[in-house]
Amino acid sequence: MSGCAAVLELLDDYLDGELQPRDMRRIHAHLAECDACAAEFRRARREVDAVRERLRQVPVPPDLRARLGAAIRELSSHGRH
């Protein structure tokens, strides 16, 4: 991975911690050296934090929570076969 385009393409996954450790380190190093990408990272981080905060404020109806739990269990059981 090299260059700003590659970093920006993976920025969402970096924010979510979904990259391999090697890629996480490379992006971290790039952000430490590139002001433009670091600014984009800070902007994206603020947006993600704002969305997460907003989601914490939204009540989840018990029936929806139960249906989601059942769907997750169903999906999980398919992966075990």
C-alpha atoms as a PDB file:
ATOM      1  CA  MET A   1       0.000   0.000   0.000  1.00  0.00           C
ATOM      2  CA  SER A   2       1.328   3.395  -0.848  1.00  0.00           C
ATOM      3  CA  GLY A   3       0.026   6.834  -1.546  1.00  0.00           C
ATOM      4  CA  CYS A   4      -2.901   8.891  -0.484  1.00  0.00           C
ATOM      5  CA  ALA A   5      -5.415   7.201  -2.784  1.00  0.00           C
ATOM      6  CA  ALA A   6      -4.762   3.790  -1.224  1.00  0.00           C
ATOM      7  CA  VAL A   7      -5.018   5.219   2.306  1.00  0.00           C
ATOM      8  CA  LEU A   8      -8.246   7.079   1.593  1.00  0.00           C
ATOM      9  CA  GLU A   9      -9.755   3.986  -0.013  1.00  0.00           C
ATOM     10  CA  LEU A  10      -9.179   2.030   3.203  1.00  0.00           C
ATOM     11  CA  LEU A  11      -9.956   4.819   5.649  1.00  0.00           C
ATOM     12  CA  ASP A  12     -13.414   3.520   6.617  1.00  0.00           C
ATOM     13  CA  ASP A  13     -12.026   0.073   7.370  1.00  0.00           C
ATOM     14  CA  TYR A  14      -9.172   1.684   9.304  1.00  0.00           C
ATOM     15  CA  LEU A  15     -11.644   3.669  11.397  1.00  0.00           C
ATOM     16  CA  ASP A  16     -13.577   0.491  12.131  1.00  0.00           C
ATOM     17  CA  GLY A  17     -10.395  -1.460  12.972  1.00  0.00           C
ATOM     18  CA  GLU A  18     -11.200  -4.016  10.282  1.00  0.00           C
ATOM     19  CA  LEU A  19      -7.814  -4.141   8.551  1.00  0.00           C
ATOM     20  CA  GLN A  20      -4.971  -6.539   9.069  1.00  0.00           C
ATOM     21  CA  PRO A  21      -2.478  -5.278  11.677  1.00  0.00           C
ATOM     22  CA  ARG A  22       0.130  -4.676   8.971  1.00  0.00           C
ATOM     23  CA  ASP A  23      -2.242  -2.392   7.017  1.00  0.00           C
ATOM     24  CA  MET A  24      -3.340  -0.638  10.211  1.00  0.00           C
ATOM     25  CA  ARG A  25       0.303   0.197  10.961  1.00  0.00           C
ATOM     26  CA  ARG A  26       0.951   1.410   7.418  1.00  0.00           C
ATOM     27  CA  ILE A  27      -2.053   3.716   7.424  1.00  0.00           C
ATOM     28  CA  HIS A  28      -1.165   4.981  10.891  1.00  0.00           C
ATOM     29  CA  ALA A  29       2.348   5.800   9.669  1.00  0.00           C
ATOM     30  CA  HIS A  30       0.997   7.535   6.565  1.00  0.00           C
ATOM     31  CA  LEU A  31      -1.405   9.638   8.615  1.00  0.00           C
ATOM     32  CA  ALA A  32       1.482  10.719  10.831  1.00  0.00           C
ATOM     33  CA  GLU A  33       3.323  12.079   7.790  1.00  0.00           C
ATOM     34  CA  CYS A  34       0.556  13.338   5.470  1.00  0.00           C
ATOM     35  CA  ASP A  35      -1.341  16.413   6.618  1.00  0.00           C
ATOM     36  CA  ALA A  36      -4.020  16.075   3.917  1.00  0.00           C
ATOM     37  CA  CYS A  37      -4.868  12.473   4.786  1.00  0.00           C
ATOM     38  CA  ALA A  38      -4.664  13.226   8.513  1.00  0.00           C
ATOM     39  CA  ALA A  39      -7.205  16.025   8.034  1.00  0.00           C
ATOM     40  CA  GLU A  40      -9.503  13.650   6.131  1.00  0.00           C
ATOM     41  CA  PHE A  41      -9.080  11.079   8.905  1.00  0.00           C
ATOM     42  CA  ARG A  42     -10.038  13.643  11.560  1.00  0.00           C
ATOM     43  CA  ARG A  43     -13.115  14.668   9.526  1.00  0.00           C
ATOM     44  CA  ALA A  44     -14.185  11.055   9.081  1.00  0.00           C
ATOM     45  CA  ARG A  45     -13.525  10.299  12.767  1.00  0.00           C
ATOM     46  CA  ARG A  46     -15.782  13.213  13.802  1.00  0.00           C
ATOM     47  CA  GLU A  47     -18.552  11.921  11.530  1.00  0.00           C
ATOM     48  CA  VAL A  48     -18.281   8.365  12.839  1.00  0.00           C
ATOM     49  CA  ASP A  49     -18.250   9.580  16.438  1.00  0.00           C
ATOM     50  CA  ALA A  50     -21.295  11.784  15.810  1.00  0.00           C
ATOM     51  CA  VAL A  51     -23.244   8.906  14.239  1.00  0.00           C
ATOM     52  CA  ARG A  52     -22.317   6.536  17.065  1.00  0.00           C
ATOM     53  CA  GLU A  53     -23.373   9.098  19.657  1.00  0.00           C
ATOM     54  CA  ARG A  54     -26.667   9.657  17.874  1.00  0.00           C
ATOM     55  CA  LEU A  55     -27.323   5.914  17.669  1.00  0.00           C
ATOM     56  CA  ARG A  56     -26.823   5.593  21.426  1.00  0.00           C
ATOM     57  CA  GLN A  57     -29.695   8.027  21.874  1.00  0.00           C
ATOM     58  CA  VAL A  58     -32.145   6.073  19.711  1.00  0.00           C
ATOM     59  CA  PRO A  59     -34.218   3.609  21.733  1.00  0.00           C
ATOM     60  CA  VAL A  60     -34.485   0.113  20.258  1.00  0.00           C
ATOM     61  CA  PRO A  61     -37.933  -1.447  20.691  1.00  0.00           C
ATOM     62  CA  PRO A  62     -37.776  -4.807  22.541  1.00  0.00           C
ATOM     63  CA  ASP A  63     -39.456  -6.685  19.682  1.00  0.00           C
ATOM     64  CA  LEU A  64     -36.869  -5.410  17.205  1.00  0.00           C
ATOM     65  CA  ARG A  65     -34.061  -6.381  19.578  1.00  0.00           C
ATOM     66  CA  ALA A  66     -35.541  -9.905  19.828  1.00  0.00           C
ATOM     67  CA  ARG A  67     -35.912 -10.257  16.040  1.00  0.00           C
ATOM     68  CA  LEU A  68     -32.348  -9.058  15.482  1.00  0.00           C
ATOM     69  CA  GLY A  69     -31.048 -11.503  18.078  1.00  0.00           C
ATOM     70  CA  ALA A  70     -32.924 -14.370  16.415  1.00  0.00           C
ATOM     71  CA  ALA A  71     -31.609 -13.392  12.986  1.00  0.00           C
ATOM     72  CA  ILE A  72     -28.027 -13.221  14.275  1.00  0.00           C
ATOM     73  CA  ARG A  73     -28.349 -16.631  15.930  1.00  0.00           C
ATOM     74  CA  GLU A  74     -29.770 -18.046  12.696  1.00  0.00           C
ATOM     75  CA  LEU A  75     -26.901 -16.652  10.650  1.00  0.00           C
ATOM     76  CA  SER A  76     -24.385 -17.910  13.184  1.00  0.00           C
ATOM     77  CA  SER A  77     -25.810 -21.425  13.104  1.00  0.00           C
ATOM     78  CA  HIS A  78     -25.414 -21.567   9.313  1.00  0.00           C
ATOM     79  CA  GLY A  79     -21.700 -20.935   9.671  1.00  0.00           C
ATOM     80  CA  ARG A  80     -21.264 -23.967  11.937  1.00  0.00           C
ATOM     81  CA  HIS A  81     -22.514 -26.579   9.465  1.00  0.00           C
END
